[in-house]
Amino acid sequence: MDLDFKKSDGLVTAVIQHFETKRVLMVGYMNEESFRLTIEKGYAVFFSRSRQKLWLKGESSGHKLIVKAIETDCDQDAVLIFVDPVGPGVCHEGYESCFFRSLSDDKWQISEKQTYDPKVVYDK
């Protein structure tokens, strides 16, 4: 499990992809501890750069990511994690994927409908 955590200040980029549909759901970051916990727990655990702490995806929403497979790139400084998502969406804004905007006429447009109401999920 030799990943290059040194190249990006102790982090590797983690691309999260639905294992069945192949849709990219989100991008996060992992340090050595969060990567190890991801392997141990079988759920995606990330390192929050803004909060400077570990976070289990779905710890507040219940929308966890069950790990199915993990791959790394040729430089071993990024991982591709195939997951089975639990819940209607991964994005904290209420969408299935964090990639719900498309560029059209030089403007970002929302290109799909919300799959859940984030106020209901996060304002408990």
C-alpha atoms as a PDB file:
ATOM      1  CA  MET A   1       0.000   0.000   0.000  1.00  0.00           C
ATOM      2  CA  ASP A   2       2.848   2.368  -0.804  1.00  0.00           C
ATOM      3  CA  LEU A   3       1.183   5.625  -1.791  1.00  0.00           C
ATOM      4  CA  ASP A   4       3.067   8.899  -2.244  1.00  0.00           C
ATOM      5  CA  PHE A   5       1.638  11.026   0.562  1.00  0.00           C
ATOM      6  CA  LYS A   6       4.683  13.332   0.518  1.00  0.00           C
ATOM      7  CA  LYS A   7       4.031  14.932  -2.867  1.00  0.00           C
ATOM      8  CA  SER A   8       0.925  16.880  -1.783  1.00  0.00           C
ATOM      9  CA  ASP A   9       1.630  17.780   1.835  1.00  0.00           C
ATOM     10  CA  GLY A  10       0.668  14.395   3.250  1.00  0.00           C
ATOM     11  CA  LEU A  11      -2.439  13.872   1.128  1.00  0.00           C
ATOM     12  CA  VAL A  12      -3.505  11.900  -1.912  1.00  0.00           C
ATOM     13  CA  THR A  13      -6.444  12.818  -4.123  1.00  0.00           C
ATOM     14  CA  ALA A  14      -9.317  10.348  -3.870  1.00  0.00           C
ATOM     15  CA  VAL A  15     -11.709  10.135  -6.813  1.00  0.00           C
ATOM     16  CA  ILE A  16     -14.930   8.427  -5.766  1.00  0.00           C
ATOM     17  CA  GLN A  17     -16.806   6.526  -8.461  1.00  0.00           C
ATOM     18  CA  HIS A  18     -20.034   4.496  -8.323  1.00  0.00           C
ATOM     19  CA  PHE A  19     -18.999   0.880  -8.837  1.00  0.00           C
ATOM     20  CA  GLU A  20     -22.030   0.025 -11.014  1.00  0.00           C
ATOM     21  CA  THR A  21     -22.845   3.170 -13.002  1.00  0.00           C
ATOM     22  CA  LYS A  22     -19.216   4.389 -13.142  1.00  0.00           C
ATOM     23  CA  ARG A  23     -20.389   7.947 -12.429  1.00  0.00           C
ATOM     24  CA  VAL A  24     -17.875  10.092 -10.581  1.00  0.00           C
ATOM     25  CA  LEU A  25     -19.578  11.052  -7.331  1.00  0.00           C
ATOM     26  CA  MET A  26     -17.012  13.243  -5.612  1.00  0.00           C
ATOM     27  CA  VAL A  27     -13.363  14.040  -5.087  1.00  0.00           C
ATOM     28  CA  GLY A  28     -11.815  14.122  -1.637  1.00  0.00           C
ATOM     29  CA  TYR A  29      -8.442  13.860   0.028  1.00  0.00           C
ATOM     30  CA  MET A  30      -6.907  11.184   2.213  1.00  0.00           C
ATOM     31  CA  ASN A  31      -3.926  11.185   4.500  1.00  0.00           C
ATOM     32  CA  GLU A  32      -2.250   7.939   5.582  1.00  0.00           C
ATOM     33  CA  GLU A  33      -4.584   7.500   8.551  1.00  0.00           C
ATOM     34  CA  SER A  34      -7.802   8.061   6.598  1.00  0.00           C
ATOM     35  CA  PHE A  35      -6.609   5.688   3.871  1.00  0.00           C
ATOM     36  CA  ARG A  36      -5.798   3.022   6.483  1.00  0.00           C
ATOM     37  CA  LEU A  37      -9.213   3.510   8.135  1.00  0.00           C
ATOM     38  CA  THR A  38     -10.911   3.248   4.741  1.00  0.00           C
ATOM     39  CA  ILE A  39      -9.262  -0.143   4.264  1.00  0.00           C
ATOM     40  CA  GLU A  40     -10.076  -1.286   7.815  1.00  0.00           C
ATOM     41  CA  LYS A  41     -13.677  -0.048   8.000  1.00  0.00           C
ATOM     42  CA  GLY A  42     -14.733  -0.689   4.400  1.00  0.00           C
ATOM     43  CA  TYR A  43     -16.244   2.814   4.277  1.00  0.00           C
ATOM     44  CA  ALA A  44     -14.647   5.905   2.729  1.00  0.00           C
ATOM     45  CA  VAL A  45     -12.881   8.067   5.314  1.00  0.00           C
ATOM     46  CA  PHE A  46     -11.368  11.373   4.232  1.00  0.00           C
ATOM     47  CA  PHE A  47      -9.173  14.122   5.598  1.00  0.00           C
ATOM     48  CA  SER A  48     -10.915  17.494   5.638  1.00  0.00           C
ATOM     49  CA  ARG A  49      -8.482  20.197   4.559  1.00  0.00           C
ATOM     50  CA  SER A  50     -10.734  22.988   5.855  1.00  0.00           C
ATOM     51  CA  ARG A  51     -11.397  21.401   9.269  1.00  0.00           C
ATOM     52  CA  GLN A  52      -7.991  19.677   9.496  1.00  0.00           C
ATOM     53  CA  LYS A  53      -9.508  16.431  10.736  1.00  0.00           C
ATOM     54  CA  LEU A  54     -10.673  13.009   9.615  1.00  0.00           C
ATOM     55  CA  TRP A  55     -14.267  12.509   8.570  1.00  0.00           C
ATOM     56  CA  LEU A  56     -16.248   9.428   7.729  1.00  0.00           C
ATOM     57  CA  LYS A  57     -18.371  10.262   4.695  1.00  0.00           C
ATOM     58  CA  GLY A  58     -21.963  10.019   5.878  1.00  0.00           C
ATOM     59  CA  GLU A  59     -21.256  10.556   9.570  1.00  0.00           C
ATOM     60  CA  SER A  60     -23.920  13.279   9.754  1.00  0.00           C
ATOM     61  CA  SER A  61     -26.126  12.426   6.739  1.00  0.00           C
ATOM     62  CA  GLY A  62     -26.037   8.635   6.943  1.00  0.00           C
ATOM     63  CA  HIS A  63     -25.044   8.606   3.248  1.00  0.00           C
ATOM     64  CA  LYS A  64     -21.965   6.400   3.615  1.00  0.00           C
ATOM     65  CA  LEU A  65     -19.792   5.026   0.831  1.00  0.00           C
ATOM     66  CA  ILE A  66     -19.178   1.264   0.962  1.00  0.00           C
ATOM     67  CA  VAL A  67     -15.808   0.532  -0.627  1.00  0.00           C
ATOM     68  CA  LYS A  68     -15.865  -2.103  -3.374  1.00  0.00           C
ATOM     69  CA  ALA A  69     -12.409  -1.676  -4.951  1.00  0.00           C
ATOM     70  CA  ILE A  70      -9.429   0.675  -4.879  1.00  0.00           C
ATOM     71  CA  GLU A  71      -6.960   1.500  -7.642  1.00  0.00           C
ATOM     72  CA  THR A  72      -4.039   3.915  -7.803  1.00  0.00           C
ATOM     73  CA  ASP A  73      -2.481   5.881 -10.643  1.00  0.00           C
ATOM     74  CA  CYS A  74       0.984   5.368 -12.129  1.00  0.00           C
ATOM     75  CA  ASP A  75       2.573   7.899  -9.740  1.00  0.00           C
ATOM     76  CA  GLN A  76       0.766   6.419  -6.738  1.00  0.00           C
ATOM     77  CA  ASP A  77      -0.296   9.889  -5.592  1.00  0.00           C
ATOM     78  CA  ALA A  78      -4.023   9.490  -6.278  1.00  0.00           C
ATOM     79  CA  VAL A  79      -6.572   6.757  -5.697  1.00  0.00           C
ATOM     80  CA  LEU A  80      -9.739   5.763  -7.511  1.00  0.00           C
ATOM     81  CA  ILE A  81     -12.231   4.261  -5.099  1.00  0.00           C
ATOM     82  CA  PHE A  82     -15.218   2.360  -6.422  1.00  0.00           C
ATOM     83  CA  VAL A  83     -18.115   2.547  -3.977  1.00  0.00           C
ATOM     84  CA  ASP A  84     -21.670   1.460  -3.372  1.00  0.00           C
ATOM     85  CA  PRO A  85     -23.306   4.632  -2.031  1.00  0.00           C
ATOM     86  CA  VAL A  86     -25.817   4.355   0.800  1.00  0.00           C
ATOM     87  CA  GLY A  87     -28.530   6.996   0.499  1.00  0.00           C
ATOM     88  CA  PRO A  88     -29.932   9.191  -2.254  1.00  0.00           C
ATOM     89  CA  GLY A  89     -26.874  11.338  -2.824  1.00  0.00           C
ATOM     90  CA  VAL A  90     -23.259  12.094  -2.037  1.00  0.00           C
ATOM     91  CA  CYS A  91     -23.241  15.879  -2.421  1.00  0.00           C
ATOM     92  CA  HIS A  92     -23.934  18.009   0.658  1.00  0.00           C
ATOM     93  CA  GLU A  93     -26.027  20.264  -1.616  1.00  0.00           C
ATOM     94  CA  GLY A  94     -28.560  17.462  -2.155  1.00  0.00           C
ATOM     95  CA  TYR A  95     -27.426  15.865  -5.409  1.00  0.00           C
ATOM     96  CA  GLU A  96     -26.476  12.315  -6.347  1.00  0.00           C
ATOM     97  CA  SER A  97     -23.005  13.535  -7.343  1.00  0.00           C
ATOM     98  CA  CYS A  98     -20.967  16.621  -6.504  1.00  0.00           C
ATOM     99  CA  PHE A  99     -20.669  17.066 -10.281  1.00  0.00           C
ATOM    100  CA  PHE A 100     -24.142  18.454 -10.957  1.00  0.00           C
ATOM    101  CA  ARG A 101     -23.174  21.602 -12.875  1.00  0.00           C
ATOM    102  CA  SER A 102     -22.372  21.757 -16.592  1.00  0.00           C
ATOM    103  CA  LEU A 103     -20.720  24.582 -18.490  1.00  0.00           C
ATOM    104  CA  SER A 104     -23.113  26.092 -21.029  1.00  0.00           C
ATOM    105  CA  ASP A 105     -22.545  29.399 -22.835  1.00  0.00           C
ATOM    106  CA  ASP A 106     -19.693  30.247 -20.461  1.00  0.00           C
ATOM    107  CA  LYS A 107     -21.939  29.789 -17.391  1.00  0.00           C
ATOM    108  CA  TRP A 108     -22.287  26.947 -14.916  1.00  0.00           C
ATOM    109  CA  GLN A 109     -25.805  25.541 -15.048  1.00  0.00           C
ATOM    110  CA  ILE A 110     -27.354  23.022 -12.676  1.00  0.00           C
ATOM    111  CA  SER A 111     -27.869  19.997 -14.895  1.00  0.00           C
ATOM    112  CA  GLU A 112     -29.935  17.673 -12.707  1.00  0.00           C
ATOM    113  CA  LYS A 113     -32.504  17.605  -9.937  1.00  0.00           C
ATOM    114  CA  GLN A 114     -31.735  17.271  -6.268  1.00  0.00           C
ATOM    115  CA  THR A 115     -32.151  13.758  -4.910  1.00  0.00           C
ATOM    116  CA  TYR A 116     -32.738  14.900  -1.326  1.00  0.00           C
ATOM    117  CA  ASP A 117     -33.293  18.055   0.702  1.00  0.00           C
ATOM    118  CA  PRO A 118     -30.024  18.936   2.476  1.00  0.00           C
ATOM    119  CA  LYS A 119     -31.848  21.084   5.052  1.00  0.00           C
ATOM    120  CA  VAL A 120     -33.777  18.038   6.254  1.00  0.00           C
ATOM    121  CA  VAL A 121     -30.608  15.916   6.403  1.00  0.00           C
ATOM    122  CA  TYR A 122     -28.117  18.382   7.903  1.00  0.00           C
ATOM    123  CA  ASP A 123     -30.299  20.668  10.039  1.00  0.00           C
ATOM    124  CA  LYS A 124     -31.218  17.973  12.552  1.00  0.00           C
END
